[in-house]
Amino acid sequence: MRWIPAGSRLIGMSSRTARDLLVWLHVLTSVAWMSQALALVALQAYTLSTRDPAGLAMARVLDHTVLMHLANASAFTGIMLAAMTPWGFFRYWWVLLKFVITLTQLYLGIFVLSGQLQRGAIGPLSVAGASLMVSAIAFQAWLSIAKPWKRTPWAASVKPPTAPVWLLLAACALPFADYALTWALLGAPVPMVQLLAVVVYPAYRWFSNRSDG
């Protein structure tokens, strides 16, 4: 099952341009996620040292209304870049490490750090956890630039193709559409469609590549 390039001609955009747009969105949301995590460190440290309840309130708002959505968008665009381009998930050690770090960050951020913050359980460990999140994002940025280490033993000899332009553009638009749709339907933004996409599309691509082989 080969990708059909007709959509690319109709849109009038090259795959390289569409891929670069998705890369740009990934970089933008990752930098924003890191900056908000750093602000969270400052607010938690301030609350811990002054016991000012306003610091805790601002930290909660920042985490729930800004940081969480930037983290979701950054993770989504990164996963879709791996799934939609020849990089793949398991071809290169640096991509695989970024994937593992991203999943770990999301789990700890959602179920540990954010939970503690909403309960008001701010302490040295929560400050250290948020600081570790900042450091992990910075390390991932270095991985993206340096691209260290060789290919993994599981790398196939033939590179998978880049996804069609319309799918790359859809991946760019999905975080915004998901936010608006779930806000309208549920009264709160939830990354429902993004979560479905990161599960369904990589599976579809894997089966398509196997049928091509």
Protein backbone atom coordinates (compact mmCIF):
# COMPACT_ATOMS: atom_id res chain seq x y z
CA MET A 1 0.00 0.00 0.00
CA ARG A 2 1.88 3.07 -1.23
CA TRP A 3 1.21 6.68 -0.31
CA ILE A 4 -0.84 8.46 -2.99
CA PRO A 5 0.75 11.82 -3.92
CA ALA A 6 -2.40 13.30 -5.45
CA GLY A 7 -3.27 15.14 -2.25
CA SER A 8 0.14 16.79 -2.31
CA ARG A 9 -0.49 18.18 -5.79
CA LEU A 10 -3.91 19.47 -4.82
CA ILE A 11 -2.59 21.21 -1.71
CA GLY A 12 0.33 22.66 -3.62
CA MET A 13 2.90 22.03 -0.89
CA SER A 14 5.91 19.76 -0.80
CA SER A 15 6.35 17.03 1.77
CA ARG A 16 9.51 18.79 2.97
CA THR A 17 7.61 22.01 3.68
CA ALA A 18 4.80 20.19 5.48
CA ARG A 19 7.32 18.20 7.53
CA ASP A 20 9.22 21.37 8.41
CA LEU A 21 5.96 22.93 9.58
CA LEU A 22 5.37 19.98 11.91
CA VAL A 23 8.99 20.22 13.14
CA TRP A 24 8.48 23.94 13.80
CA LEU A 25 5.34 23.27 15.82
CA HIS A 26 7.15 20.57 17.80
CA VAL A 27 10.06 22.90 18.59
CA LEU A 28 7.70 25.75 19.49
CA THR A 29 5.58 23.69 21.89
CA SER A 30 8.66 22.02 23.40
CA VAL A 31 10.34 25.35 24.17
CA ALA A 32 7.06 26.66 25.57
CA TRP A 33 6.67 23.50 27.69
CA MET A 34 10.18 23.97 29.06
CA SER A 35 9.61 27.65 29.86
CA GLN A 36 6.36 26.90 31.67
CA ALA A 37 8.01 24.08 33.61
CA LEU A 38 10.73 26.52 34.64
CA ALA A 39 8.07 29.00 35.76
CA LEU A 40 6.47 26.18 37.75
CA VAL A 41 9.80 25.55 39.50
CA ALA A 42 9.99 29.24 40.44
CA LEU A 43 6.41 29.34 41.74
CA GLN A 44 6.82 26.18 43.79
CA ALA A 45 10.11 27.38 45.24
CA TYR A 46 8.49 30.70 46.11
CA THR A 47 5.54 28.97 47.78
CA LEU A 48 7.85 26.66 49.69
CA SER A 49 9.98 29.49 51.03
CA THR A 50 7.23 32.04 51.80
CA ARG A 51 4.14 29.85 52.46
CA ASP A 52 2.21 32.37 50.39
CA PRO A 53 -1.01 30.69 49.18
CA ALA A 54 -1.01 32.94 46.12
CA GLY A 55 2.06 31.13 44.84
CA LEU A 56 0.31 27.77 45.07
CA ALA A 57 -2.78 29.17 43.33
CA MET A 58 -0.71 30.58 40.46
CA ALA A 59 1.22 27.30 40.14
CA ARG A 60 -2.03 25.36 39.87
CA VAL A 61 -3.40 27.68 37.19
CA LEU A 62 -0.16 27.51 35.23
CA ASP A 63 -0.05 23.71 35.40
CA HIS A 64 -3.70 23.11 34.55
CA THR A 65 -4.35 25.77 31.92
CA VAL A 66 -1.02 26.20 30.13
CA LEU A 67 1.72 23.66 30.86
CA MET A 68 -0.45 20.56 30.50
CA HIS A 69 -1.65 21.48 27.01
CA LEU A 70 1.80 22.49 25.80
CA ALA A 71 3.20 19.20 27.08
CA ASN A 72 0.49 17.25 25.28
CA ALA A 73 1.04 19.15 22.02
CA SER A 74 4.83 18.75 22.24
CA ALA A 75 4.56 15.02 22.89
CA PHE A 76 1.96 14.57 20.14
CA THR A 77 3.94 16.42 17.46
CA GLY A 78 7.13 14.57 18.42
CA ILE A 79 5.46 11.17 18.25
CA MET A 80 3.81 11.99 14.94
CA LEU A 81 7.12 13.19 13.49
CA ALA A 82 8.63 9.82 14.32
CA ALA A 83 5.62 7.99 12.91
CA MET A 84 5.28 10.08 9.74
CA THR A 85 8.90 10.36 8.64
CA PRO A 86 11.78 7.96 7.95
CA TRP A 87 13.12 8.57 11.48
CA GLY A 88 10.68 6.04 12.92
CA PHE A 89 10.53 5.07 16.60
CA PHE A 90 13.16 2.33 16.77
CA ARG A 91 15.60 3.07 13.93
CA TYR A 92 17.88 5.42 15.87
CA TRP A 93 18.95 5.37 19.50
CA TRP A 94 18.47 9.10 19.98
CA VAL A 95 14.87 8.97 18.71
CA LEU A 96 14.10 5.97 20.89
CA LEU A 97 15.56 7.71 23.94
CA LYS A 98 13.51 10.84 23.25
CA PHE A 99 10.40 8.67 22.96
CA VAL A 100 11.07 6.95 26.30
CA ILE A 101 11.82 10.26 28.04
CA THR A 102 8.64 11.83 26.65
CA LEU A 103 6.42 8.99 27.87
CA THR A 104 8.12 9.08 31.29
CA GLN A 105 7.67 12.83 31.55
CA LEU A 106 4.00 12.63 30.66
CA TYR A 107 3.36 9.88 33.20
CA LEU A 108 5.22 11.62 36.03
CA GLY A 109 3.85 15.03 35.12
CA ILE A 110 0.21 13.93 34.96
CA PHE A 111 -0.01 11.34 37.70
CA VAL A 112 2.66 12.49 40.16
CA LEU A 113 3.69 16.14 39.93
CA SER A 114 0.33 17.55 38.83
CA GLY A 115 -1.51 15.42 41.40
CA GLN A 116 0.71 16.68 44.20
CA LEU A 117 0.24 20.25 43.05
CA GLN A 118 -3.54 19.99 42.98
CA ARG A 119 -3.47 18.57 46.52
CA GLY A 120 -1.24 21.39 47.67
CA ALA A 121 1.54 18.95 48.54
CA ILE A 122 4.44 21.19 47.54
CA GLY A 123 7.80 20.20 48.95
CA PRO A 124 11.46 19.82 47.97
CA LEU A 125 10.66 16.69 45.97
CA SER A 126 8.02 18.45 43.86
CA VAL A 127 10.43 21.29 43.13
CA ALA A 128 13.11 18.75 42.22
CA GLY A 129 10.63 16.89 40.00
CA ALA A 130 9.72 20.03 38.07
CA SER A 131 13.43 20.90 37.77
CA LEU A 132 14.09 17.42 36.41
CA MET A 133 11.37 17.98 33.80
CA VAL A 134 13.14 21.16 32.65
CA SER A 135 16.46 19.30 32.45
CA ALA A 136 14.90 16.41 30.51
CA ILE A 137 13.42 18.74 27.89
CA ALA A 138 16.77 20.50 27.54
CA PHE A 139 18.48 17.12 27.08
CA GLN A 140 15.94 16.13 24.43
CA ALA A 141 16.72 19.36 22.57
CA TRP A 142 20.40 18.38 22.57
CA LEU A 143 19.51 14.92 21.26
CA SER A 144 17.54 16.47 18.39
CA ILE A 145 20.49 18.65 17.38
CA ALA A 146 23.41 16.26 17.95
CA LYS A 147 21.65 13.05 16.85
CA PRO A 148 24.26 10.93 18.65
CA TRP A 149 24.94 7.20 18.37
CA LYS A 150 24.35 4.78 15.56
CA ARG A 151 21.24 3.05 14.36
CA THR A 152 19.62 0.43 16.54
CA PRO A 153 19.84 -3.30 15.76
CA TRP A 154 16.15 -3.20 14.81
CA ALA A 155 16.57 -0.64 12.02
CA ALA A 156 15.31 -1.96 8.70
CA SER A 157 17.54 -1.54 5.67
CA VAL A 158 14.81 0.31 3.77
CA LYS A 159 13.65 3.63 5.16
CA PRO A 160 9.89 4.06 5.56
CA PRO A 161 8.42 6.81 3.38
CA THR A 162 7.32 10.22 4.58
CA ALA A 163 3.58 10.57 5.04
CA PRO A 164 1.52 12.55 2.52
CA VAL A 165 1.31 16.32 2.83
CA TRP A 166 -2.31 16.31 3.93
CA LEU A 167 -1.55 13.98 6.83
CA LEU A 168 1.40 16.09 7.94
CA LEU A 169 -0.78 19.19 7.85
CA ALA A 170 -3.52 17.35 9.73
CA ALA A 171 -1.00 16.52 12.46
CA CYS A 172 -0.17 20.23 12.71
CA ALA A 173 -3.81 21.21 13.03
CA LEU A 174 -4.95 18.43 15.33
CA PRO A 175 -3.75 19.88 18.68
CA PHE A 176 -5.70 23.09 18.02
CA ALA A 177 -8.77 21.27 16.71
CA ASP A 178 -8.68 18.82 19.62
CA TYR A 179 -8.52 21.68 22.13
CA ALA A 180 -11.48 23.51 20.55
CA LEU A 181 -13.58 20.38 20.02
CA THR A 182 -13.25 18.95 23.50
CA TRP A 183 -13.73 22.37 25.06
CA ALA A 184 -17.00 22.75 23.16
CA LEU A 185 -18.21 19.21 23.92
CA LEU A 186 -16.87 18.60 27.42
CA GLY A 187 -16.33 22.08 28.82
CA ALA A 188 -12.62 21.37 29.28
CA PRO A 189 -9.85 20.63 26.77
CA VAL A 190 -8.82 16.96 26.73
CA PRO A 191 -6.33 15.46 24.21
CA MET A 192 -8.77 12.75 23.14
CA VAL A 193 -8.26 12.88 19.36
CA GLN A 194 -4.49 13.30 19.75
CA LEU A 195 -4.33 10.20 21.92
CA LEU A 196 -6.36 8.27 19.35
CA ALA A 197 -4.08 9.45 16.54
CA VAL A 198 -0.83 8.42 18.28
CA VAL A 199 -2.26 4.94 18.79
CA VAL A 200 -4.00 4.36 15.46
CA TYR A 201 -1.65 5.99 12.95
CA PRO A 202 1.61 4.24 13.95
CA ALA A 203 -0.23 0.90 13.93
CA TYR A 204 -1.68 1.66 10.49
CA ARG A 205 1.74 2.69 9.15
CA TRP A 206 3.37 -0.45 10.53
CA PHE A 207 0.83 -2.73 8.86
CA SER A 208 1.08 -0.74 5.62
CA ASN A 209 4.86 -1.08 5.54
CA ARG A 210 4.61 -4.80 6.22
CA SER A 211 2.16 -5.24 3.32
CA ASP A 212 4.50 -3.25 1.06
CA GLY A 213 7.39 -5.55 2.00
